[in-house]
Amino acid sequence: MTPQLAVDIVRQALMAAVWVSAPLLIAGFVVGIAISLFQVATSMQDPGVTTVPRLAGFLVALAVALPWMLQRLMSYTVALFGDFARYAR
């Protein structure tokens, strides 16, 4: 295995991790901004106001994006295991 091949494998793994985590991170960001705007408008600073909607947003995003996330991970794993002959050199 050449150093360039090892770097390519790590790069592909990191990109797969970024793409798989992106829907949840985006949902958390959007819900967080909406909650912050609500708190600024109402001057309500209760920690429960931030935690419960953010958790609900994560769960909804997970339920919606899970099939896509699993498909993305499976395609990465199949591509990685399919090239074992190339890695063994």
C-alpha atoms as a PDB file:
ATOM      1  CA  MET A   1       0.000   0.000   0.000  1.00  0.00           C
ATOM      2  CA  THR A   2       1.437   3.327  -1.019  1.00  0.00           C
ATOM      3  CA  PRO A   3       1.245   6.424   1.179  1.00  0.00           C
ATOM      4  CA  GLN A   4      -0.960   8.099  -1.422  1.00  0.00           C
ATOM      5  CA  LEU A   5      -3.432   5.209  -1.236  1.00  0.00           C
ATOM      6  CA  ALA A   6      -3.526   5.427   2.571  1.00  0.00           C
ATOM      7  CA  VAL A   7      -4.164   9.168   2.371  1.00  0.00           C
ATOM      8  CA  ASP A   8      -6.940   8.545  -0.159  1.00  0.00           C
ATOM      9  CA  ILE A   9      -8.618   5.977   2.110  1.00  0.00           C
ATOM     10  CA  VAL A  10      -8.520   8.351   5.082  1.00  0.00           C
ATOM     11  CA  ARG A  11      -9.819  11.213   2.929  1.00  0.00           C
ATOM     12  CA  GLN A  12     -12.731   9.094   1.720  1.00  0.00           C
ATOM     13  CA  ALA A  13     -13.539   8.039   5.299  1.00  0.00           C
ATOM     14  CA  LEU A  14     -13.532  11.638   6.510  1.00  0.00           C
ATOM     15  CA  MET A  15     -15.703  12.794   3.622  1.00  0.00           C
ATOM     16  CA  ALA A  16     -18.170   9.977   4.301  1.00  0.00           C
ATOM     17  CA  ALA A  17     -18.321  11.046   7.955  1.00  0.00           C
ATOM     18  CA  VAL A  18     -18.928  14.667   6.976  1.00  0.00           C
ATOM     19  CA  TRP A  19     -21.713  13.787   4.555  1.00  0.00           C
ATOM     20  CA  VAL A  20     -23.403  11.402   6.998  1.00  0.00           C
ATOM     21  CA  SER A  21     -23.327  13.880   9.879  1.00  0.00           C
ATOM     22  CA  ALA A  22     -24.324  16.926   7.801  1.00  0.00           C
ATOM     23  CA  PRO A  23     -28.141  16.497   7.965  1.00  0.00           C
ATOM     24  CA  LEU A  24     -28.129  16.265  11.760  1.00  0.00           C
ATOM     25  CA  LEU A  25     -25.743  19.184  12.152  1.00  0.00           C
ATOM     26  CA  ILE A  26     -27.775  21.354   9.800  1.00  0.00           C
ATOM     27  CA  ALA A  27     -31.005  20.483  11.619  1.00  0.00           C
ATOM     28  CA  GLY A  28     -29.415  21.333  14.963  1.00  0.00           C
ATOM     29  CA  PHE A  29     -28.122  24.624  13.584  1.00  0.00           C
ATOM     30  CA  VAL A  30     -31.491  25.655  12.134  1.00  0.00           C
ATOM     31  CA  VAL A  31     -33.412  24.701  15.267  1.00  0.00           C
ATOM     32  CA  GLY A  32     -30.818  26.443  17.448  1.00  0.00           C
ATOM     33  CA  ILE A  33     -31.124  29.678  15.469  1.00  0.00           C
ATOM     34  CA  ALA A  34     -34.923  29.528  15.629  1.00  0.00           C
ATOM     35  CA  ILE A  35     -34.853  28.932  19.393  1.00  0.00           C
ATOM     36  CA  SER A  36     -32.385  31.767  19.908  1.00  0.00           C
ATOM     37  CA  LEU A  37     -34.611  34.148  17.967  1.00  0.00           C
ATOM     38  CA  PHE A  38     -37.597  33.021  20.029  1.00  0.00           C
ATOM     39  CA  GLN A  39     -35.682  33.579  23.257  1.00  0.00           C
ATOM     40  CA  VAL A  40     -34.568  37.036  22.190  1.00  0.00           C
ATOM     41  CA  ALA A  41     -38.116  37.976  21.224  1.00  0.00           C
ATOM     42  CA  THR A  42     -39.691  36.712  24.457  1.00  0.00           C
ATOM     43  CA  SER A  43     -36.793  37.180  26.940  1.00  0.00           C
ATOM     44  CA  MET A  44     -37.404  33.616  28.111  1.00  0.00           C
ATOM     45  CA  GLN A  45     -34.113  32.008  29.211  1.00  0.00           C
ATOM     46  CA  ASP A  46     -35.289  28.628  30.488  1.00  0.00           C
ATOM     47  CA  PRO A  47     -32.883  25.763  29.612  1.00  0.00           C
ATOM     48  CA  GLY A  48     -35.814  23.478  28.850  1.00  0.00           C
ATOM     49  CA  VAL A  49     -36.878  25.798  26.067  1.00  0.00           C
ATOM     50  CA  THR A  50     -33.617  25.134  24.247  1.00  0.00           C
ATOM     51  CA  THR A  51     -33.151  21.444  24.993  1.00  0.00           C
ATOM     52  CA  VAL A  52     -36.517  19.920  24.121  1.00  0.00           C
ATOM     53  CA  PRO A  53     -37.016  21.510  20.661  1.00  0.00           C
ATOM     54  CA  ARG A  54     -33.397  20.858  19.682  1.00  0.00           C
ATOM     55  CA  LEU A  55     -33.725  17.197  20.669  1.00  0.00           C
ATOM     56  CA  ALA A  56     -36.996  16.946  18.759  1.00  0.00           C
ATOM     57  CA  GLY A  57     -35.351  18.520  15.715  1.00  0.00           C
ATOM     58  CA  PHE A  58     -32.498  16.010  15.868  1.00  0.00           C
ATOM     59  CA  LEU A  59     -34.924  13.103  16.135  1.00  0.00           C
ATOM     60  CA  VAL A  60     -37.018  14.319  13.200  1.00  0.00           C
ATOM     61  CA  ALA A  61     -33.901  14.880  11.092  1.00  0.00           C
ATOM     62  CA  LEU A  62     -32.616  11.440  12.039  1.00  0.00           C
ATOM     63  CA  ALA A  63     -35.906   9.784  11.110  1.00  0.00           C
ATOM     64  CA  VAL A  64     -36.013  11.583   7.764  1.00  0.00           C
ATOM     65  CA  ALA A  65     -32.333  11.222   6.824  1.00  0.00           C
ATOM     66  CA  LEU A  66     -31.621   7.746   8.216  1.00  0.00           C
ATOM     67  CA  PRO A  67     -32.325   5.820   4.988  1.00  0.00           C
ATOM     68  CA  TRP A  68     -30.045   8.151   3.030  1.00  0.00           C
ATOM     69  CA  MET A  69     -27.359   7.982   5.715  1.00  0.00           C
ATOM     70  CA  LEU A  70     -27.419   4.183   5.765  1.00  0.00           C
ATOM     71  CA  GLN A  71     -27.269   4.010   1.972  1.00  0.00           C
ATOM     72  CA  ARG A  72     -24.279   6.361   1.966  1.00  0.00           C
ATOM     73  CA  LEU A  73     -22.448   4.316   4.610  1.00  0.00           C
ATOM     74  CA  MET A  74     -23.227   1.036   2.866  1.00  0.00           C
ATOM     75  CA  SER A  75     -21.938   2.296  -0.472  1.00  0.00           C
ATOM     76  CA  TYR A  76     -18.721   3.500   1.181  1.00  0.00           C
ATOM     77  CA  THR A  77     -18.248   0.157   2.957  1.00  0.00           C
ATOM     78  CA  VAL A  78     -18.909  -1.868  -0.188  1.00  0.00           C
ATOM     79  CA  ALA A  79     -16.437   0.271  -2.138  1.00  0.00           C
ATOM     80  CA  LEU A  80     -13.822  -0.099   0.600  1.00  0.00           C
ATOM     81  CA  PHE A  81     -14.193  -3.873   0.922  1.00  0.00           C
ATOM     82  CA  GLY A  82     -14.437  -4.292  -2.852  1.00  0.00           C
ATOM     83  CA  ASP A  83     -10.922  -2.920  -3.329  1.00  0.00           C
ATOM     84  CA  PHE A  84      -9.112  -5.272  -0.937  1.00  0.00           C
ATOM     85  CA  ALA A  85      -6.946  -6.613  -3.759  1.00  0.00           C
ATOM     86  CA  ARG A  86      -5.703  -3.100  -4.466  1.00  0.00           C
ATOM     87  CA  TYR A  87      -4.833  -2.504  -0.803  1.00  0.00           C
ATOM     88  CA  ALA A  88      -2.924  -5.757  -0.344  1.00  0.00           C
ATOM     89  CA  ARG A  89      -0.142  -4.837  -2.755  1.00  0.00           C
END
